[in-house]
C-alpha cells in the first residue's frame, strides 16, 4: 500500500475484531519500530508487547474502561526511562563499539558530550526527554502499522501509575508513556466509514521558499 493511501486508510479504531495479527506481521512491525530515530541514538525506552488476555484484563481498570485494551490482538506499551544518565550513554557506546569495531578513543569525546548534555537536565527533564523519544518511535509504529494494514489506536487516556504497578515498571526504571492496541477493525465499527477530519494543507504547512 502506498504511503498516503495507507495514512488515509488508518483511523482510531473503536472496536476490534477477533482476528489476530500474525507473528510474522507483528515481528515486521516491531522491527520497523526498532529502527526509529532517537536523540543521540540512545533509544531511552522499552516497547512492551502484551498478548496475554489475563494481563490485559488487569489493565482495563487503569484504561478508564476502554475495552480496546482487552479486545485487540495485542497491546503495545511504550515505556520511557525515568532517568537519562551515564548508564544509558554507556549502554549505547558499548553497542556502538561492538557494531563499528572502533576503539573507545574514537568516540570518547562524543560520549562525554552526551553525558554532560543529559546531566545538565533535572530528573524531570530527563524523563520528559525520554518520553519525547518514545513518541518518535510511536509515530513510526503507527505509520508502519498503516502500511502493513494493521489497525492501531494510540492512547494516552490511561492511569499511568496503575499501568506501572501492574507491569512492575517502576523497579525497572521505566514509566508508561503511551499505549497502542493493535489488531483488525471490526466490521461493525462505524468509525471506519466516517470521513477523516484533518485541517487543510495550508492550515498546517508553512513553507518558506528560497
N, C-alpha and C. Protein backbone atom coordinates (compact mmCIF):
# COMPACT_ATOMS: atom_id res chain seq x y z
N UNK A 1 0.85 -1.19 0.00
CA UNK A 1 0.00 0.00 0.00
C UNK A 1 0.88 1.25 0.00
N UNK A 2 0.53 2.22 -0.84
CA UNK A 2 1.29 3.45 -0.90
C UNK A 2 1.08 4.26 0.39
N UNK A 3 2.06 5.10 0.69
CA UNK A 3 2.07 5.81 1.97
C UNK A 3 0.80 6.61 2.23
N UNK A 4 0.44 7.52 1.32
CA UNK A 4 -0.73 8.37 1.57
C UNK A 4 -2.02 7.57 1.59
N UNK A 5 -2.09 6.53 0.77
CA UNK A 5 -3.26 5.65 0.82
C UNK A 5 -3.37 4.98 2.18
N UNK A 6 -2.23 4.55 2.70
CA UNK A 6 -2.22 3.88 4.00
C UNK A 6 -2.64 4.83 5.12
N UNK A 7 -2.16 6.06 5.06
CA UNK A 7 -2.49 7.02 6.11
C UNK A 7 -3.95 7.47 6.03
N UNK A 8 -4.51 7.49 4.84
CA UNK A 8 -5.94 7.78 4.71
C UNK A 8 -6.78 6.59 5.14
N UNK A 9 -6.23 5.38 5.00
CA UNK A 9 -6.94 4.16 5.40
C UNK A 9 -7.04 4.04 6.91
N UNK A 10 -6.01 4.45 7.62
CA UNK A 10 -5.99 4.25 9.07
C UNK A 10 -6.92 5.24 9.78
N UNK A 11 -7.36 4.85 10.96
CA UNK A 11 -8.19 5.71 11.81
C UNK A 11 -8.08 5.18 13.23
N UNK A 12 -8.61 5.91 14.19
CA UNK A 12 -8.60 5.46 15.58
C UNK A 12 -9.69 4.42 15.80
N UNK A 13 -9.32 3.16 15.80
CA UNK A 13 -10.29 2.07 15.89
C UNK A 13 -11.06 2.13 17.21
N UNK A 14 -12.35 1.97 17.12
CA UNK A 14 -13.20 1.94 18.32
C UNK A 14 -13.55 0.52 18.73
N UNK A 15 -13.56 -0.38 17.75
CA UNK A 15 -13.95 -1.76 18.03
C UNK A 15 -13.10 -2.70 17.19
N UNK A 16 -12.41 -3.61 17.86
CA UNK A 16 -11.57 -4.59 17.17
C UNK A 16 -12.33 -5.90 16.96
N UNK A 17 -11.96 -6.62 15.89
CA UNK A 17 -12.49 -7.95 15.65
C UNK A 17 -11.65 -8.97 16.43
N UNK A 18 -12.02 -10.24 16.30
CA UNK A 18 -11.27 -11.30 16.97
C UNK A 18 -10.03 -11.73 16.18
N UNK A 19 -9.86 -11.18 14.98
CA UNK A 19 -8.75 -11.61 14.13
C UNK A 19 -7.41 -11.20 14.75
N UNK A 20 -6.47 -12.12 14.73
CA UNK A 20 -5.16 -11.88 15.31
C UNK A 20 -4.19 -11.34 14.26
N UNK A 21 -3.30 -10.49 14.70
CA UNK A 21 -2.15 -10.11 13.88
C UNK A 21 -1.17 -11.27 13.91
N UNK A 22 -0.72 -11.72 12.75
CA UNK A 22 0.16 -12.88 12.71
C UNK A 22 1.51 -12.57 13.34
N UNK A 23 2.21 -13.61 13.76
CA UNK A 23 3.53 -13.44 14.36
C UNK A 23 4.49 -12.77 13.39
N UNK A 24 4.39 -13.11 12.11
CA UNK A 24 5.27 -12.52 11.11
C UNK A 24 4.99 -11.04 10.93
N UNK A 25 3.71 -10.67 10.85
CA UNK A 25 3.34 -9.25 10.72
C UNK A 25 3.80 -8.46 11.94
N UNK A 26 3.59 -9.04 13.12
CA UNK A 26 3.96 -8.37 14.35
C UNK A 26 5.47 -8.13 14.41
N UNK A 27 6.23 -9.15 14.03
CA UNK A 27 7.69 -9.01 14.05
C UNK A 27 8.15 -7.92 13.08
N UNK A 28 7.54 -7.87 11.89
CA UNK A 28 7.88 -6.83 10.92
C UNK A 28 7.58 -5.45 11.48
N UNK A 29 6.43 -5.30 12.10
CA UNK A 29 6.04 -4.02 12.68
C UNK A 29 7.00 -3.59 13.79
N UNK A 30 7.36 -4.53 14.64
CA UNK A 30 8.25 -4.21 15.75
C UNK A 30 9.67 -3.92 15.25
N UNK A 31 10.09 -4.63 14.22
CA UNK A 31 11.42 -4.37 13.66
C UNK A 31 11.47 -2.97 13.03
N UNK A 32 10.40 -2.59 12.35
CA UNK A 32 10.33 -1.24 11.79
C UNK A 32 10.40 -0.20 12.90
N UNK A 33 9.76 -0.47 14.01
CA UNK A 33 9.76 0.45 15.14
C UNK A 33 11.13 0.51 15.80
N UNK A 34 11.79 -0.63 15.88
CA UNK A 34 13.15 -0.67 16.45
C UNK A 34 14.10 0.23 15.68
N UNK A 35 13.84 0.41 14.40
CA UNK A 35 14.72 1.23 13.55
C UNK A 35 14.40 2.72 13.63
N UNK A 36 13.51 3.10 14.52
CA UNK A 36 13.13 4.51 14.65
C UNK A 36 14.31 5.37 15.09
N UNK A 37 14.34 6.62 14.65
CA UNK A 37 15.37 7.54 15.12
C UNK A 37 15.12 7.97 16.56
N UNK A 38 16.19 8.40 17.22
CA UNK A 38 16.06 8.99 18.56
C UNK A 38 17.26 9.89 18.79
N UNK A 39 17.14 10.82 19.71
CA UNK A 39 18.24 11.74 20.00
C UNK A 39 19.48 10.97 20.44
N UNK A 40 20.59 11.27 19.81
CA UNK A 40 21.88 10.60 20.07
C UNK A 40 21.84 9.10 19.75
N UNK A 41 20.69 8.61 19.27
CA UNK A 41 20.56 7.18 19.03
C UNK A 41 20.38 6.37 20.30
N UNK A 42 20.05 7.01 21.42
CA UNK A 42 20.04 6.34 22.72
C UNK A 42 18.82 5.46 22.96
N UNK A 43 17.72 5.70 22.28
CA UNK A 43 16.50 4.89 22.43
C UNK A 43 16.18 4.63 23.92
N UNK A 44 15.85 5.69 24.67
CA UNK A 44 15.65 5.54 26.12
C UNK A 44 14.24 5.05 26.48
N UNK A 45 13.88 3.91 25.96
CA UNK A 45 12.54 3.36 26.21
C UNK A 45 12.54 1.87 25.92
N UNK A 46 11.48 1.23 26.37
CA UNK A 46 11.23 -0.17 26.04
C UNK A 46 9.86 -0.25 25.38
N UNK A 47 9.71 -1.22 24.49
CA UNK A 47 8.44 -1.47 23.83
C UNK A 47 7.94 -2.82 24.33
N UNK A 48 6.83 -2.79 25.04
CA UNK A 48 6.31 -3.99 25.71
C UNK A 48 5.10 -4.49 24.94
N UNK A 49 5.16 -5.72 24.47
CA UNK A 49 4.09 -6.30 23.67
C UNK A 49 3.34 -7.32 24.53
N UNK A 50 2.06 -7.09 24.72
CA UNK A 50 1.26 -7.93 25.62
C UNK A 50 0.17 -8.63 24.83
N UNK A 51 0.28 -9.94 24.74
CA UNK A 51 -0.77 -10.74 24.12
C UNK A 51 -1.68 -11.35 25.17
N UNK A 52 -1.17 -11.60 26.36
CA UNK A 52 -1.90 -12.25 27.44
C UNK A 52 -3.20 -11.52 27.77
N UNK A 53 -4.31 -12.22 27.62
CA UNK A 53 -5.61 -11.64 27.96
C UNK A 53 -5.71 -11.39 29.47
N UNK A 54 -5.14 -12.30 30.26
CA UNK A 54 -5.22 -12.17 31.71
C UNK A 54 -4.52 -10.89 32.17
N UNK A 55 -3.36 -10.63 31.60
CA UNK A 55 -2.62 -9.43 31.98
C UNK A 55 -3.34 -8.17 31.50
N UNK A 56 -3.87 -8.22 30.28
CA UNK A 56 -4.57 -7.05 29.76
C UNK A 56 -5.85 -6.77 30.55
N UNK A 57 -6.49 -7.83 31.05
CA UNK A 57 -7.69 -7.64 31.86
C UNK A 57 -7.36 -6.84 33.13
N UNK A 58 -6.16 -7.03 33.66
CA UNK A 58 -5.73 -6.27 34.83
C UNK A 58 -5.53 -4.79 34.50
N UNK A 59 -5.28 -4.50 33.22
CA UNK A 59 -5.00 -3.13 32.81
C UNK A 59 -6.25 -2.35 32.43
N UNK A 60 -7.35 -3.04 32.16
CA UNK A 60 -8.58 -2.36 31.75
C UNK A 60 -9.05 -1.34 32.78
N UNK A 61 -9.03 -1.67 34.10
CA UNK A 61 -9.47 -0.66 35.07
C UNK A 61 -8.60 0.60 35.06
N UNK A 62 -7.38 0.49 34.59
CA UNK A 62 -6.48 1.65 34.52
C UNK A 62 -6.50 2.28 33.13
N UNK A 63 -7.46 1.84 32.31
CA UNK A 63 -7.64 2.37 30.96
C UNK A 63 -9.00 3.06 30.84
N UNK A 64 -9.56 3.42 31.98
CA UNK A 64 -10.86 4.08 32.05
C UNK A 64 -11.93 3.29 31.31
N UNK A 65 -11.85 1.95 31.46
CA UNK A 65 -12.86 1.08 30.92
C UNK A 65 -12.82 0.88 29.42
N UNK A 66 -11.77 1.33 28.77
CA UNK A 66 -11.68 1.19 27.32
C UNK A 66 -11.30 -0.26 26.97
N UNK A 67 -12.28 -1.02 26.53
CA UNK A 67 -12.09 -2.45 26.30
C UNK A 67 -11.21 -2.77 25.11
N UNK A 68 -10.85 -1.75 24.33
CA UNK A 68 -9.90 -2.00 23.23
C UNK A 68 -8.61 -2.60 23.76
N UNK A 69 -8.27 -2.25 24.97
CA UNK A 69 -7.06 -2.78 25.60
C UNK A 69 -7.13 -4.30 25.68
N UNK A 70 -8.32 -4.82 25.93
CA UNK A 70 -8.51 -6.27 26.09
C UNK A 70 -8.89 -6.95 24.79
N UNK A 71 -9.68 -6.28 23.95
CA UNK A 71 -10.27 -6.93 22.78
C UNK A 71 -9.39 -6.89 21.54
N UNK A 72 -8.33 -6.14 21.56
CA UNK A 72 -7.42 -6.07 20.41
C UNK A 72 -6.60 -7.36 20.31
N UNK A 73 -5.87 -7.46 19.22
CA UNK A 73 -4.99 -8.63 19.04
C UNK A 73 -3.85 -8.59 20.04
N UNK A 74 -3.19 -7.45 20.14
CA UNK A 74 -2.08 -7.25 21.07
C UNK A 74 -2.16 -5.83 21.63
N UNK A 75 -1.62 -5.65 22.81
CA UNK A 75 -1.46 -4.33 23.38
C UNK A 75 0.02 -4.00 23.43
N UNK A 76 0.38 -2.84 22.90
CA UNK A 76 1.77 -2.42 22.88
C UNK A 76 1.92 -1.21 23.80
N UNK A 77 2.85 -1.30 24.72
CA UNK A 77 3.09 -0.23 25.70
C UNK A 77 4.48 0.35 25.45
N UNK A 78 4.54 1.66 25.29
CA UNK A 78 5.81 2.36 25.17
C UNK A 78 6.16 2.92 26.55
N UNK A 79 7.25 2.43 27.13
CA UNK A 79 7.64 2.84 28.48
C UNK A 79 8.98 3.56 28.41
N UNK A 80 9.01 4.80 28.87
CA UNK A 80 10.22 5.62 28.80
C UNK A 80 11.05 5.45 30.07
N UNK A 81 12.34 5.69 29.93
CA UNK A 81 13.25 5.63 31.07
C UNK A 81 12.96 6.77 32.04
N UNK A 82 13.03 6.47 33.33
CA UNK A 82 12.82 7.51 34.33
C UNK A 82 14.02 8.44 34.46
N UNK A 83 15.18 7.96 34.05
CA UNK A 83 16.38 8.76 34.10
C UNK A 83 17.18 8.57 32.82
N UNK A 84 17.78 9.63 32.35
CA UNK A 84 18.70 9.55 31.21
C UNK A 84 20.08 9.91 31.75
N UNK A 85 20.80 8.91 32.21
CA UNK A 85 22.05 9.14 32.92
C UNK A 85 23.24 8.51 32.20
N UNK A 86 24.38 8.46 32.88
CA UNK A 86 25.60 7.91 32.28
C UNK A 86 25.41 6.46 31.85
N UNK A 87 24.64 5.70 32.62
CA UNK A 87 24.43 4.29 32.29
C UNK A 87 23.76 4.13 30.93
N UNK A 88 22.84 5.04 30.62
CA UNK A 88 22.15 4.99 29.33
C UNK A 88 23.14 5.25 28.20
N UNK A 89 24.02 6.22 28.40
CA UNK A 89 25.02 6.53 27.38
C UNK A 89 26.01 5.38 27.23
N UNK A 90 26.46 4.83 28.35
CA UNK A 90 27.42 3.73 28.30
C UNK A 90 26.85 2.53 27.56
N UNK A 91 25.56 2.29 27.76
CA UNK A 91 24.90 1.18 27.05
C UNK A 91 24.99 1.38 25.55
N UNK A 92 24.73 2.62 25.11
CA UNK A 92 24.79 2.92 23.68
C UNK A 92 26.23 2.83 23.17
N UNK A 93 27.16 3.37 23.92
CA UNK A 93 28.56 3.35 23.49
C UNK A 93 29.05 1.92 23.32
N UNK A 94 28.72 1.05 24.24
CA UNK A 94 29.12 -0.35 24.12
C UNK A 94 28.54 -0.99 22.87
N UNK A 95 27.29 -0.67 22.57
CA UNK A 95 26.67 -1.20 21.37
C UNK A 95 27.33 -0.63 20.12
N UNK A 96 27.60 0.67 20.15
CA UNK A 96 28.24 1.34 19.02
C UNK A 96 29.60 0.72 18.72
N UNK A 97 30.38 0.48 19.75
CA UNK A 97 31.72 -0.07 19.56
C UNK A 97 31.66 -1.51 19.03
N UNK A 98 30.66 -2.27 19.48
CA UNK A 98 30.54 -3.66 19.02
C UNK A 98 30.10 -3.73 17.56
N UNK A 99 29.30 -2.74 17.12
CA UNK A 99 28.82 -2.74 15.74
C UNK A 99 29.87 -2.20 14.78
N UNK A 100 30.59 -1.16 15.21
CA UNK A 100 31.53 -0.48 14.31
C UNK A 100 32.96 -1.01 14.40
N UNK A 101 33.23 -1.80 15.46
CA UNK A 101 34.60 -2.33 15.69
C UNK A 101 35.62 -1.22 15.87
N UNK A 102 35.18 -0.09 16.40
CA UNK A 102 36.10 1.01 16.69
C UNK A 102 36.57 0.94 18.14
N UNK A 103 37.66 1.66 18.42
CA UNK A 103 38.13 1.80 19.79
C UNK A 103 37.38 2.92 20.48
N UNK A 104 37.32 2.85 21.80
CA UNK A 104 36.59 3.86 22.57
C UNK A 104 37.15 5.26 22.30
N UNK A 105 38.45 5.34 22.03
CA UNK A 105 39.07 6.65 21.81
C UNK A 105 38.42 7.40 20.66
N UNK A 106 37.85 6.66 19.71
CA UNK A 106 37.25 7.28 18.53
C UNK A 106 35.94 7.99 18.87
N UNK A 107 35.34 7.65 19.98
CA UNK A 107 34.02 8.21 20.31
C UNK A 107 33.99 8.78 21.72
N UNK A 108 35.10 8.81 22.40
CA UNK A 108 35.13 9.26 23.79
C UNK A 108 34.62 10.69 23.94
N UNK A 109 35.01 11.57 23.00
CA UNK A 109 34.56 12.96 23.07
C UNK A 109 33.05 13.07 22.94
N UNK A 110 32.48 12.28 22.04
CA UNK A 110 31.03 12.30 21.84
C UNK A 110 30.33 11.72 23.07
N UNK A 111 30.92 10.70 23.66
CA UNK A 111 30.34 10.12 24.87
C UNK A 111 30.31 11.15 25.99
N UNK A 112 31.39 11.88 26.15
CA UNK A 112 31.44 12.92 27.19
C UNK A 112 30.41 14.01 26.92
N UNK A 113 30.25 14.36 25.64
CA UNK A 113 29.26 15.38 25.27
C UNK A 113 27.86 14.92 25.64
N UNK A 114 27.50 13.69 25.32
CA UNK A 114 26.17 13.18 25.64
C UNK A 114 25.93 13.18 27.14
N UNK A 115 26.92 12.72 27.89
CA UNK A 115 26.77 12.64 29.34
C UNK A 115 26.59 14.03 29.96
N UNK A 116 27.36 14.98 29.49
CA UNK A 116 27.25 16.33 30.05
C UNK A 116 25.93 16.98 29.67
N UNK A 117 25.47 16.75 28.43
CA UNK A 117 24.21 17.33 27.98
C UNK A 117 23.04 16.78 28.80
N UNK A 118 23.05 15.49 29.08
CA UNK A 118 21.96 14.89 29.85
C UNK A 118 22.08 15.24 31.33
N UNK A 119 23.31 15.35 31.83
CA UNK A 119 23.50 15.70 33.24
C UNK A 119 23.02 17.11 33.54
N UNK A 120 22.97 17.95 32.53
CA UNK A 120 22.52 19.33 32.71
C UNK A 120 21.01 19.41 32.93
N UNK A 121 20.31 18.32 32.66
CA UNK A 121 18.86 18.28 32.83
C UNK A 121 18.50 17.81 34.23
N UNK A 122 17.40 18.30 34.77
CA UNK A 122 16.88 17.74 36.02
C UNK A 122 16.32 16.35 35.73
N UNK A 123 16.05 15.60 36.78
CA UNK A 123 15.47 14.27 36.59
C UNK A 123 14.14 14.35 35.84
N UNK A 124 13.33 15.34 36.18
CA UNK A 124 12.04 15.52 35.48
C UNK A 124 12.26 15.84 34.02
N UNK A 125 13.26 16.65 33.71
CA UNK A 125 13.56 16.98 32.32
C UNK A 125 14.10 15.77 31.57
N UNK A 126 14.89 14.96 32.24
CA UNK A 126 15.39 13.74 31.62
C UNK A 126 14.24 12.80 31.26
N UNK A 127 13.30 12.67 32.17
CA UNK A 127 12.15 11.80 31.91
C UNK A 127 11.31 12.34 30.77
N UNK A 128 11.09 13.65 30.73
CA UNK A 128 10.33 14.25 29.64
C UNK A 128 11.05 14.04 28.32
N UNK A 129 12.36 14.19 28.32
CA UNK A 129 13.16 13.97 27.12
C UNK A 129 13.01 12.53 26.63
N UNK A 130 13.05 11.58 27.56
CA UNK A 130 12.90 10.17 27.20
C UNK A 130 11.51 9.90 26.62
N UNK A 131 10.50 10.53 27.19
CA UNK A 131 9.14 10.36 26.66
C UNK A 131 9.03 10.90 25.24
N UNK A 132 9.70 12.01 24.97
CA UNK A 132 9.68 12.56 23.62
C UNK A 132 10.27 11.57 22.62
N UNK A 133 11.31 10.87 23.01
CA UNK A 133 11.92 9.89 22.12
C UNK A 133 10.96 8.70 21.89
N UNK A 134 10.23 8.33 22.94
CA UNK A 134 9.24 7.25 22.80
C UNK A 134 8.14 7.64 21.82
N UNK A 135 7.76 8.92 21.82
CA UNK A 135 6.73 9.38 20.90
C UNK A 135 7.23 9.35 19.45
N UNK A 136 8.51 9.60 19.25
CA UNK A 136 9.06 9.46 17.90
C UNK A 136 8.88 8.02 17.42
N UNK A 137 9.19 7.07 18.30
CA UNK A 137 9.02 5.65 17.96
C UNK A 137 7.55 5.32 17.70
N UNK A 138 6.67 5.91 18.51
CA UNK A 138 5.23 5.68 18.32
C UNK A 138 4.79 6.13 16.94
N UNK A 139 5.27 7.30 16.50
CA UNK A 139 4.89 7.79 15.18
C UNK A 139 5.30 6.82 14.09
N UNK A 140 6.51 6.29 14.20
CA UNK A 140 6.98 5.31 13.23
C UNK A 140 6.15 4.03 13.31
N UNK A 141 5.79 3.64 14.53
CA UNK A 141 4.98 2.44 14.76
C UNK A 141 3.63 2.56 14.09
N UNK A 142 2.95 3.69 14.29
CA UNK A 142 1.61 3.88 13.73
C UNK A 142 1.65 3.93 12.21
N UNK A 143 2.63 4.63 11.65
CA UNK A 143 2.76 4.71 10.19
C UNK A 143 3.07 3.35 9.60
N UNK A 144 3.99 2.62 10.23
CA UNK A 144 4.35 1.29 9.75
C UNK A 144 3.16 0.34 9.83
N UNK A 145 2.38 0.46 10.90
CA UNK A 145 1.18 -0.38 11.03
C UNK A 145 0.22 -0.11 9.88
N UNK A 146 0.04 1.16 9.53
CA UNK A 146 -0.86 1.50 8.44
C UNK A 146 -0.37 0.90 7.12
N UNK A 147 0.92 0.98 6.88
CA UNK A 147 1.48 0.41 5.64
C UNK A 147 1.30 -1.10 5.59
N UNK A 148 1.27 -1.74 6.76
CA UNK A 148 1.06 -3.19 6.84
C UNK A 148 -0.42 -3.54 6.93
N UNK A 149 -1.28 -2.52 6.93
CA UNK A 149 -2.72 -2.67 7.11
C UNK A 149 -3.04 -3.39 8.42
N UNK A 150 -2.33 -2.96 9.44
CA UNK A 150 -2.64 -3.37 10.81
C UNK A 150 -3.28 -2.16 11.49
N UNK A 151 -4.44 -2.36 12.06
CA UNK A 151 -5.11 -1.26 12.74
C UNK A 151 -4.44 -0.97 14.07
N UNK A 152 -4.27 0.31 14.37
CA UNK A 152 -3.63 0.73 15.61
C UNK A 152 -4.35 1.93 16.17
N UNK A 153 -4.42 2.01 17.49
CA UNK A 153 -5.12 3.12 18.14
C UNK A 153 -4.29 3.63 19.32
N UNK A 154 -3.39 4.60 19.09
CA UNK A 154 -2.58 5.12 20.19
C UNK A 154 -3.46 5.80 21.24
N UNK A 155 -3.12 5.60 22.51
CA UNK A 155 -3.94 6.10 23.61
C UNK A 155 -3.07 6.65 24.73
N UNK A 156 -3.44 7.82 25.22
CA UNK A 156 -2.80 8.37 26.41
C UNK A 156 -3.79 8.52 27.56
N UNK A 157 -5.05 8.23 27.30
CA UNK A 157 -6.08 8.34 28.34
C UNK A 157 -6.05 7.13 29.25
N UNK A 158 -5.01 7.04 30.06
CA UNK A 158 -4.83 5.90 30.96
C UNK A 158 -4.30 6.39 32.31
N UNK A 159 -4.41 5.53 33.30
CA UNK A 159 -3.84 5.79 34.62
C UNK A 159 -2.41 5.23 34.60
N UNK A 160 -1.45 6.12 34.40
CA UNK A 160 -0.06 5.70 34.24
C UNK A 160 0.45 4.95 35.46
N UNK A 161 0.12 5.45 36.64
CA UNK A 161 0.59 4.80 37.87
C UNK A 161 0.06 3.37 37.96
N UNK A 162 -1.18 3.17 37.54
CA UNK A 162 -1.76 1.83 37.55
C UNK A 162 -1.04 0.90 36.59
N UNK A 163 -0.76 1.39 35.39
CA UNK A 163 -0.01 0.60 34.42
C UNK A 163 1.38 0.24 34.96
N UNK A 164 2.04 1.24 35.53
CA UNK A 164 3.38 1.00 36.05
C UNK A 164 3.36 -0.07 37.15
N UNK A 165 2.31 -0.04 37.97
CA UNK A 165 2.22 -1.02 39.06
C UNK A 165 1.97 -2.42 38.52
N UNK A 166 1.01 -2.55 37.61
CA UNK A 166 0.68 -3.88 37.07
C UNK A 166 1.86 -4.48 36.33
N UNK A 167 2.57 -3.65 35.58
CA UNK A 167 3.67 -4.13 34.75
C UNK A 167 5.01 -4.09 35.47
N UNK A 168 4.99 -3.67 36.75
CA UNK A 168 6.22 -3.62 37.58
C UNK A 168 7.31 -2.78 36.92
N UNK A 169 6.92 -1.62 36.37
CA UNK A 169 7.86 -0.82 35.60
C UNK A 169 8.74 0.07 36.47
N UNK A 170 8.22 0.54 37.61
CA UNK A 170 8.98 1.48 38.42
C UNK A 170 10.31 0.88 38.87
N UNK A 171 10.27 -0.39 39.31
CA UNK A 171 11.50 -1.03 39.76
C UNK A 171 12.47 -1.29 38.62
N UNK A 172 11.98 -1.19 37.39
CA UNK A 172 12.84 -1.35 36.22
C UNK A 172 13.32 -0.01 35.69
N UNK A 173 12.97 1.06 36.39
CA UNK A 173 13.41 2.39 35.98
C UNK A 173 12.65 2.94 34.79
N UNK A 174 11.40 2.51 34.62
CA UNK A 174 10.60 2.89 33.47
C UNK A 174 9.25 3.45 33.91
N UNK A 175 8.61 4.19 33.01
CA UNK A 175 7.24 4.64 33.25
C UNK A 175 6.45 4.58 31.96
N UNK A 176 5.21 4.19 32.05
CA UNK A 176 4.34 4.12 30.88
C UNK A 176 4.18 5.51 30.26
N UNK A 177 4.35 5.58 28.95
CA UNK A 177 4.25 6.85 28.25
C UNK A 177 3.00 6.91 27.38
N UNK A 178 2.78 5.87 26.59
CA UNK A 178 1.63 5.79 25.70
C UNK A 178 1.39 4.33 25.40
N UNK A 179 0.14 3.97 25.14
CA UNK A 179 -0.18 2.60 24.77
C UNK A 179 -0.81 2.58 23.39
N UNK A 180 -0.79 1.41 22.76
CA UNK A 180 -1.36 1.32 21.42
C UNK A 180 -1.89 -0.10 21.16
N UNK A 181 -3.19 -0.32 21.33
CA UNK A 181 -3.77 -1.60 20.92
C UNK A 181 -3.67 -1.74 19.40
N UNK A 182 -3.39 -2.95 18.94
CA UNK A 182 -3.35 -3.22 17.51
C UNK A 182 -4.19 -4.45 17.18
N UNK A 183 -4.61 -4.55 15.94
CA UNK A 183 -5.40 -5.70 15.52
C UNK A 183 -6.07 -5.44 14.19
N UNK A 184 -7.29 -5.93 14.06
CA UNK A 184 -8.09 -5.73 12.86
C UNK A 184 -9.42 -5.09 13.23
N UNK A 185 -9.81 -4.11 12.48
CA UNK A 185 -11.07 -3.41 12.76
C UNK A 185 -12.27 -4.36 12.65
N UNK A 186 -13.24 -4.16 13.51
CA UNK A 186 -14.47 -4.95 13.47
C UNK A 186 -15.37 -4.41 12.36
N UNK A 187 -16.08 -5.31 11.71
CA UNK A 187 -16.94 -4.90 10.59
C UNK A 187 -18.07 -3.98 11.06
N UNK A 188 -18.39 -4.00 12.35
CA UNK A 188 -19.46 -3.15 12.87
C UNK A 188 -18.95 -1.81 13.40
N UNK A 189 -17.66 -1.58 13.28
CA UNK A 189 -17.11 -0.32 13.79
C UNK A 189 -17.47 0.81 12.82
N UNK A 190 -18.45 1.60 13.20
CA UNK A 190 -18.93 2.67 12.32
C UNK A 190 -17.90 3.78 12.12
N UNK A 191 -16.95 3.85 13.02
CA UNK A 191 -15.91 4.88 12.89
C UNK A 191 -15.12 4.70 11.60
N UNK A 192 -15.02 3.46 11.12
CA UNK A 192 -14.23 3.18 9.93
C UNK A 192 -14.80 3.86 8.68
N UNK A 193 -16.10 4.13 8.67
CA UNK A 193 -16.74 4.69 7.48
C UNK A 193 -16.91 6.21 7.55
N UNK A 194 -16.46 6.80 8.62
CA UNK A 194 -16.59 8.25 8.74
C UNK A 194 -15.44 8.94 8.03
N UNK A 195 -15.69 10.11 7.46
CA UNK A 195 -14.61 10.81 6.76
C UNK A 195 -13.51 11.24 7.74
N UNK A 196 -12.29 11.23 7.25
CA UNK A 196 -11.16 11.66 8.07
C UNK A 196 -11.20 13.18 8.18
N UNK A 197 -11.13 13.69 9.38
CA UNK A 197 -11.17 15.13 9.61
C UNK A 197 -9.76 15.62 9.95
N UNK A 198 -9.17 16.35 9.04
CA UNK A 198 -7.85 16.96 9.25
C UNK A 198 -7.90 18.37 8.66
N UNK A 199 -7.13 19.29 9.24
CA UNK A 199 -7.06 20.62 8.68
C UNK A 199 -6.39 20.57 7.31
N UNK A 200 -6.72 21.54 6.47
CA UNK A 200 -6.18 21.59 5.12
C UNK A 200 -4.67 21.81 5.14
N UNK A 201 -4.06 21.45 4.04
CA UNK A 201 -2.60 21.56 3.88
C UNK A 201 -2.09 22.94 4.29
N UNK A 202 -2.70 23.98 3.75
CA UNK A 202 -2.23 25.35 4.01
C UNK A 202 -2.47 25.80 5.45
N UNK A 203 -3.37 25.12 6.15
CA UNK A 203 -3.61 25.45 7.55
C UNK A 203 -2.54 24.86 8.46
N UNK A 204 -1.89 23.82 7.99
CA UNK A 204 -0.92 23.09 8.81
C UNK A 204 0.52 23.35 8.36
N UNK A 205 0.72 23.44 7.05
CA UNK A 205 2.06 23.53 6.49
C UNK A 205 2.39 24.97 6.13
N UNK A 206 3.46 25.48 6.67
CA UNK A 206 4.00 26.79 6.30
C UNK A 206 5.31 26.56 5.56
N UNK A 207 5.38 27.02 4.33
CA UNK A 207 6.57 26.83 3.51
C UNK A 207 7.25 28.17 3.24
N UNK A 208 8.56 28.19 3.43
CA UNK A 208 9.36 29.38 3.15
C UNK A 208 10.30 29.06 2.01
N UNK A 209 9.97 29.49 0.84
CA UNK A 209 10.77 29.16 -0.35
C UNK A 209 12.08 29.94 -0.33
N UNK A 210 13.07 29.40 -1.04
CA UNK A 210 14.37 30.08 -1.10
C UNK A 210 14.28 31.31 -1.99
